[in-house]
Amino acid sequence: MSGFTLSDLERIIEERSKASPDESWTAKLFAAGQPKAAKKLGEEAIEAVMAAVTDDRDNLTYEAADLLYHLLVVLKIAGIPLENVMGELEKRTAQSGLQEKASR
C-alpha cells in the first residue's frame, strides 16, 4: 500500500498552483477561479456517484481520485487547509453520526 496521503496531495496542489496555467491543470483551475474549480468538483462528484450506482469499482476508484483532487483545489482556493477539515471530522467521530446529526 502506498504511503501517499491527502496531505501530500495538498502540498503538490500548493506547488502546482504557482506554475504557469499553460503548464499545469492545477494552475489553470486556480487562474479560472473558484466558480470553475467548484463546477469541476460537482462534475467529478456526479461521475463518482454514477460509478457507484452502476457498481463500476474501477471507475469509482478513478473518479474518487478526481473528486478528492478537485475538493482539495476548491479548499485551497477558499483558503481552507485540509487540517481544518480533518479537525472537523475528528470532532464528529467523537460521537455517533446519529447523535451529531441530531445536535444540528
N, C-alpha and C. Protein backbone atom coordinates (compact mmCIF):
# COMPACT_ATOMS: atom_id res chain seq x y z
N MET A 1 0.84 -1.18 0.00
CA MET A 1 0.00 0.00 0.00
C MET A 1 0.89 1.25 0.00
N SER A 2 0.44 2.24 -0.71
CA SER A 2 1.18 3.49 -0.87
C SER A 2 1.19 4.29 0.42
N GLY A 3 2.26 5.04 0.62
CA GLY A 3 2.34 5.94 1.75
C GLY A 3 1.86 7.34 1.39
N PHE A 4 1.28 7.48 0.19
CA PHE A 4 0.80 8.78 -0.29
C PHE A 4 -0.43 9.19 0.50
N THR A 5 -0.46 10.45 0.96
CA THR A 5 -1.56 10.92 1.79
C THR A 5 -2.25 12.13 1.16
N LEU A 6 -3.41 12.48 1.71
CA LEU A 6 -4.09 13.70 1.26
C LEU A 6 -3.24 14.93 1.57
N SER A 7 -2.46 14.88 2.63
CA SER A 7 -1.55 15.98 2.92
C SER A 7 -0.49 16.12 1.84
N ASP A 8 -0.01 14.99 1.31
CA ASP A 8 0.92 15.02 0.18
C ASP A 8 0.26 15.69 -1.02
N LEU A 9 -0.97 15.31 -1.29
CA LEU A 9 -1.70 15.90 -2.41
C LEU A 9 -1.91 17.39 -2.20
N GLU A 10 -2.25 17.79 -0.99
CA GLU A 10 -2.43 19.21 -0.68
C GLU A 10 -1.14 19.98 -0.97
N ARG A 11 0.01 19.43 -0.59
CA ARG A 11 1.30 20.08 -0.84
C ARG A 11 1.58 20.19 -2.33
N ILE A 12 1.30 19.15 -3.09
CA ILE A 12 1.51 19.17 -4.54
C ILE A 12 0.61 20.21 -5.20
N ILE A 13 -0.64 20.29 -4.76
CA ILE A 13 -1.57 21.29 -5.29
C ILE A 13 -1.03 22.69 -5.01
N GLU A 14 -0.52 22.91 -3.82
CA GLU A 14 0.07 24.21 -3.48
C GLU A 14 1.21 24.55 -4.44
N GLU A 15 2.09 23.60 -4.66
CA GLU A 15 3.24 23.82 -5.56
C GLU A 15 2.78 24.09 -6.98
N ARG A 16 1.88 23.27 -7.47
CA ARG A 16 1.45 23.40 -8.87
C ARG A 16 0.56 24.61 -9.11
N SER A 17 -0.07 25.11 -8.07
CA SER A 17 -0.91 26.30 -8.23
C SER A 17 -0.08 27.52 -8.63
N LYS A 18 1.20 27.47 -8.36
CA LYS A 18 2.10 28.59 -8.65
C LYS A 18 2.74 28.50 -10.03
N ALA A 19 2.46 27.43 -10.75
CA ALA A 19 3.03 27.23 -12.09
C ALA A 19 2.25 28.06 -13.11
N SER A 20 2.72 28.04 -14.33
CA SER A 20 2.00 28.71 -15.42
C SER A 20 0.75 27.91 -15.76
N PRO A 21 -0.38 28.58 -15.99
CA PRO A 21 -1.60 27.87 -16.39
C PRO A 21 -1.42 27.11 -17.72
N ASP A 22 -0.43 27.48 -18.50
CA ASP A 22 -0.15 26.76 -19.74
C ASP A 22 0.55 25.43 -19.48
N GLU A 23 1.08 25.25 -18.27
CA GLU A 23 1.87 24.06 -17.96
C GLU A 23 1.23 23.14 -16.92
N SER A 24 0.18 23.62 -16.26
CA SER A 24 -0.38 22.86 -15.15
C SER A 24 -1.90 23.01 -15.10
N TRP A 25 -2.58 21.87 -15.03
CA TRP A 25 -4.05 21.87 -14.88
C TRP A 25 -4.43 22.55 -13.57
N THR A 26 -3.66 22.28 -12.53
CA THR A 26 -3.94 22.90 -11.23
C THR A 26 -3.84 24.42 -11.34
N ALA A 27 -2.78 24.91 -11.95
CA ALA A 27 -2.61 26.36 -12.11
C ALA A 27 -3.73 26.94 -12.96
N LYS A 28 -4.17 26.18 -13.96
CA LYS A 28 -5.26 26.63 -14.82
C LYS A 28 -6.56 26.78 -14.02
N LEU A 29 -6.83 25.83 -13.13
CA LEU A 29 -8.02 25.92 -12.27
C LEU A 29 -7.93 27.13 -11.34
N PHE A 30 -6.76 27.35 -10.76
CA PHE A 30 -6.58 28.50 -9.88
C PHE A 30 -6.79 29.80 -10.64
N ALA A 31 -6.25 29.87 -11.85
CA ALA A 31 -6.38 31.08 -12.66
C ALA A 31 -7.84 31.33 -13.04
N ALA A 32 -8.60 30.26 -13.26
CA ALA A 32 -10.01 30.39 -13.65
C ALA A 32 -10.88 30.79 -12.46
N GLY A 33 -10.41 30.52 -11.26
CA GLY A 33 -11.14 30.93 -10.06
C GLY A 33 -12.07 29.87 -9.49
N GLN A 34 -12.66 30.22 -8.37
CA GLN A 34 -13.49 29.28 -7.62
C GLN A 34 -14.71 28.78 -8.40
N PRO A 35 -15.40 29.62 -9.19
CA PRO A 35 -16.55 29.08 -9.92
C PRO A 35 -16.19 27.89 -10.83
N LYS A 36 -15.09 28.00 -11.56
CA LYS A 36 -14.66 26.91 -12.45
C LYS A 36 -14.23 25.69 -11.64
N ALA A 37 -13.45 25.91 -10.58
CA ALA A 37 -12.99 24.79 -9.75
C ALA A 37 -14.17 24.09 -9.10
N ALA A 38 -15.13 24.86 -8.60
CA ALA A 38 -16.31 24.27 -7.96
C ALA A 38 -17.16 23.50 -8.98
N LYS A 39 -17.26 24.01 -10.18
CA LYS A 39 -18.00 23.31 -11.23
C LYS A 39 -17.36 21.95 -11.53
N LYS A 40 -16.02 21.95 -11.62
CA LYS A 40 -15.31 20.69 -11.87
C LYS A 40 -15.53 19.72 -10.70
N LEU A 41 -15.53 20.23 -9.47
CA LEU A 41 -15.79 19.39 -8.30
C LEU A 41 -17.16 18.74 -8.42
N GLY A 42 -18.15 19.52 -8.81
CA GLY A 42 -19.50 18.98 -8.98
C GLY A 42 -19.57 17.92 -10.06
N GLU A 43 -18.89 18.16 -11.17
CA GLU A 43 -18.87 17.18 -12.26
C GLU A 43 -18.25 15.87 -11.79
N GLU A 44 -17.15 15.98 -11.06
CA GLU A 44 -16.47 14.76 -10.57
C GLU A 44 -17.33 14.03 -9.55
N ALA A 45 -18.07 14.78 -8.73
CA ALA A 45 -18.96 14.14 -7.75
C ALA A 45 -20.04 13.34 -8.46
N ILE A 46 -20.62 13.92 -9.51
CA ILE A 46 -21.65 13.22 -10.28
C ILE A 46 -21.08 11.96 -10.92
N GLU A 47 -19.88 12.07 -11.48
CA GLU A 47 -19.25 10.90 -12.12
C GLU A 47 -18.96 9.80 -11.09
N ALA A 48 -18.56 10.20 -9.88
CA ALA A 48 -18.31 9.21 -8.82
C ALA A 48 -19.62 8.52 -8.41
N VAL A 49 -20.68 9.29 -8.30
CA VAL A 49 -21.98 8.72 -7.94
C VAL A 49 -22.43 7.74 -9.02
N MET A 50 -22.29 8.13 -10.28
CA MET A 50 -22.70 7.24 -11.38
C MET A 50 -21.92 5.93 -11.35
N ALA A 51 -20.63 6.02 -11.07
CA ALA A 51 -19.81 4.80 -10.99
C ALA A 51 -20.26 3.94 -9.81
N ALA A 52 -20.61 4.59 -8.70
CA ALA A 52 -21.05 3.83 -7.52
C ALA A 52 -22.36 3.10 -7.76
N VAL A 53 -23.33 3.78 -8.37
CA VAL A 53 -24.64 3.15 -8.54
C VAL A 53 -24.63 2.08 -9.62
N THR A 54 -23.62 2.10 -10.49
CA THR A 54 -23.52 1.05 -11.51
C THR A 54 -22.53 -0.04 -11.10
N ASP A 55 -22.08 0.03 -9.85
CA ASP A 55 -21.12 -0.96 -9.31
C ASP A 55 -19.86 -1.09 -10.16
N ASP A 56 -19.41 0.03 -10.73
CA ASP A 56 -18.19 0.05 -11.53
C ASP A 56 -17.02 0.41 -10.61
N ARG A 57 -16.47 -0.59 -9.97
CA ARG A 57 -15.44 -0.37 -8.95
C ARG A 57 -14.19 0.31 -9.49
N ASP A 58 -13.75 -0.08 -10.67
CA ASP A 58 -12.55 0.54 -11.23
C ASP A 58 -12.78 2.02 -11.52
N ASN A 59 -13.92 2.33 -12.14
CA ASN A 59 -14.22 3.71 -12.45
C ASN A 59 -14.50 4.51 -11.18
N LEU A 60 -15.10 3.89 -10.18
CA LEU A 60 -15.33 4.58 -8.92
C LEU A 60 -14.00 4.97 -8.27
N THR A 61 -13.03 4.08 -8.33
CA THR A 61 -11.71 4.40 -7.80
C THR A 61 -11.12 5.60 -8.53
N TYR A 62 -11.19 5.58 -9.86
CA TYR A 62 -10.67 6.66 -10.69
C TYR A 62 -11.39 7.98 -10.38
N GLU A 63 -12.70 7.94 -10.34
CA GLU A 63 -13.49 9.15 -10.10
C GLU A 63 -13.32 9.66 -8.67
N ALA A 64 -13.14 8.75 -7.72
CA ALA A 64 -12.89 9.18 -6.34
C ALA A 64 -11.58 9.96 -6.24
N ALA A 65 -10.58 9.52 -6.99
CA ALA A 65 -9.31 10.26 -7.02
C ALA A 65 -9.53 11.65 -7.60
N ASP A 66 -10.28 11.74 -8.70
CA ASP A 66 -10.60 13.05 -9.29
C ASP A 66 -11.35 13.92 -8.29
N LEU A 67 -12.30 13.32 -7.59
CA LEU A 67 -13.13 14.06 -6.64
C LEU A 67 -12.28 14.61 -5.48
N LEU A 68 -11.42 13.79 -4.93
CA LEU A 68 -10.56 14.25 -3.84
C LEU A 68 -9.63 15.36 -4.30
N TYR A 69 -9.05 15.19 -5.48
CA TYR A 69 -8.16 16.23 -6.03
C TYR A 69 -8.91 17.55 -6.18
N HIS A 70 -10.07 17.52 -6.83
CA HIS A 70 -10.81 18.76 -7.07
C HIS A 70 -11.34 19.37 -5.77
N LEU A 71 -11.69 18.54 -4.79
CA LEU A 71 -12.09 19.06 -3.49
C LEU A 71 -10.94 19.82 -2.84
N LEU A 72 -9.74 19.26 -2.90
CA LEU A 72 -8.60 19.94 -2.30
C LEU A 72 -8.27 21.24 -3.04
N VAL A 73 -8.47 21.27 -4.35
CA VAL A 73 -8.27 22.51 -5.10
C VAL A 73 -9.27 23.56 -4.63
N VAL A 74 -10.53 23.19 -4.53
CA VAL A 74 -11.58 24.13 -4.08
C VAL A 74 -11.27 24.63 -2.67
N LEU A 75 -10.86 23.74 -1.79
CA LEU A 75 -10.50 24.15 -0.44
C LEU A 75 -9.32 25.12 -0.45
N LYS A 76 -8.32 24.83 -1.26
CA LYS A 76 -7.13 25.69 -1.33
C LYS A 76 -7.49 27.08 -1.85
N ILE A 77 -8.30 27.14 -2.89
CA ILE A 77 -8.72 28.44 -3.42
C ILE A 77 -9.48 29.21 -2.34
N ALA A 78 -10.26 28.52 -1.54
CA ALA A 78 -11.04 29.16 -0.47
C ALA A 78 -10.19 29.50 0.75
N GLY A 79 -8.94 29.03 0.76
CA GLY A 79 -8.07 29.31 1.90
C GLY A 79 -8.37 28.44 3.11
N ILE A 80 -8.94 27.27 2.87
CA ILE A 80 -9.26 26.35 3.96
C ILE A 80 -8.27 25.19 3.93
N PRO A 81 -7.40 25.09 4.93
CA PRO A 81 -6.45 23.99 4.94
C PRO A 81 -7.13 22.64 5.23
N LEU A 82 -6.57 21.60 4.66
CA LEU A 82 -7.05 20.24 4.90
C LEU A 82 -7.11 19.96 6.40
N GLU A 83 -6.18 20.49 7.14
CA GLU A 83 -6.14 20.31 8.59
C GLU A 83 -7.46 20.74 9.25
N ASN A 84 -8.08 21.80 8.74
CA ASN A 84 -9.36 22.25 9.29
C ASN A 84 -10.45 21.21 9.06
N VAL A 85 -10.48 20.64 7.86
CA VAL A 85 -11.48 19.62 7.54
C VAL A 85 -11.24 18.37 8.39
N MET A 86 -9.98 17.99 8.53
CA MET A 86 -9.67 16.81 9.34
C MET A 86 -10.05 17.06 10.81
N GLY A 87 -9.86 18.28 11.28
CA GLY A 87 -10.28 18.62 12.64
C GLY A 87 -11.78 18.49 12.82
N GLU A 88 -12.52 18.93 11.81
CA GLU A 88 -13.99 18.80 11.85
C GLU A 88 -14.39 17.33 11.86
N LEU A 89 -13.74 16.52 11.05
CA LEU A 89 -14.04 15.09 11.04
C LEU A 89 -13.70 14.44 12.38
N GLU A 90 -12.59 14.87 12.96
CA GLU A 90 -12.20 14.32 14.26
C GLU A 90 -13.25 14.64 15.32
N LYS A 91 -13.76 15.88 15.32
CA LYS A 91 -14.82 16.26 16.28
C LYS A 91 -16.05 15.39 16.08
N ARG A 92 -16.39 15.15 14.82
CA ARG A 92 -17.60 14.38 14.54
C ARG A 92 -17.49 12.92 14.94
N THR A 93 -16.29 12.37 14.92
CA THR A 93 -16.13 10.96 15.28
C THR A 93 -16.12 10.75 16.78
N ALA A 94 -16.17 11.84 17.54
CA ALA A 94 -16.23 11.71 19.00
C ALA A 94 -17.62 11.23 19.45
N GLN A 95 -18.59 11.28 18.55
CA GLN A 95 -19.94 10.80 18.85
C GLN A 95 -20.47 10.08 17.62
N SER A 96 -21.57 9.39 17.80
CA SER A 96 -22.13 8.67 16.66
C SER A 96 -22.66 9.68 15.64
N GLY A 97 -22.75 9.26 14.41
CA GLY A 97 -23.29 10.12 13.36
C GLY A 97 -24.72 10.54 13.64
N LEU A 98 -25.50 9.65 14.23
CA LEU A 98 -26.89 9.98 14.54
C LEU A 98 -26.96 11.06 15.63
N GLN A 99 -26.08 10.97 16.62
CA GLN A 99 -26.05 11.98 17.68
C GLN A 99 -25.60 13.33 17.10
N GLU A 100 -24.57 13.29 16.25
CA GLU A 100 -24.05 14.52 15.66
C GLU A 100 -25.13 15.21 14.83
N LYS A 101 -25.83 14.43 14.03
CA LYS A 101 -26.87 15.00 13.17
C LYS A 101 -28.01 15.58 14.00
N ALA A 102 -28.37 14.91 15.08
CA ALA A 102 -29.45 15.39 15.94
C ALA A 102 -29.08 16.69 16.65
N SER A 103 -27.78 16.93 16.85
CA SER A 103 -27.35 18.15 17.55
C SER A 103 -27.32 19.37 16.66
N ARG A 104 -27.55 19.22 15.37
CA ARG A 104 -27.54 20.38 14.45
C ARG A 104 -28.80 21.15 14.52
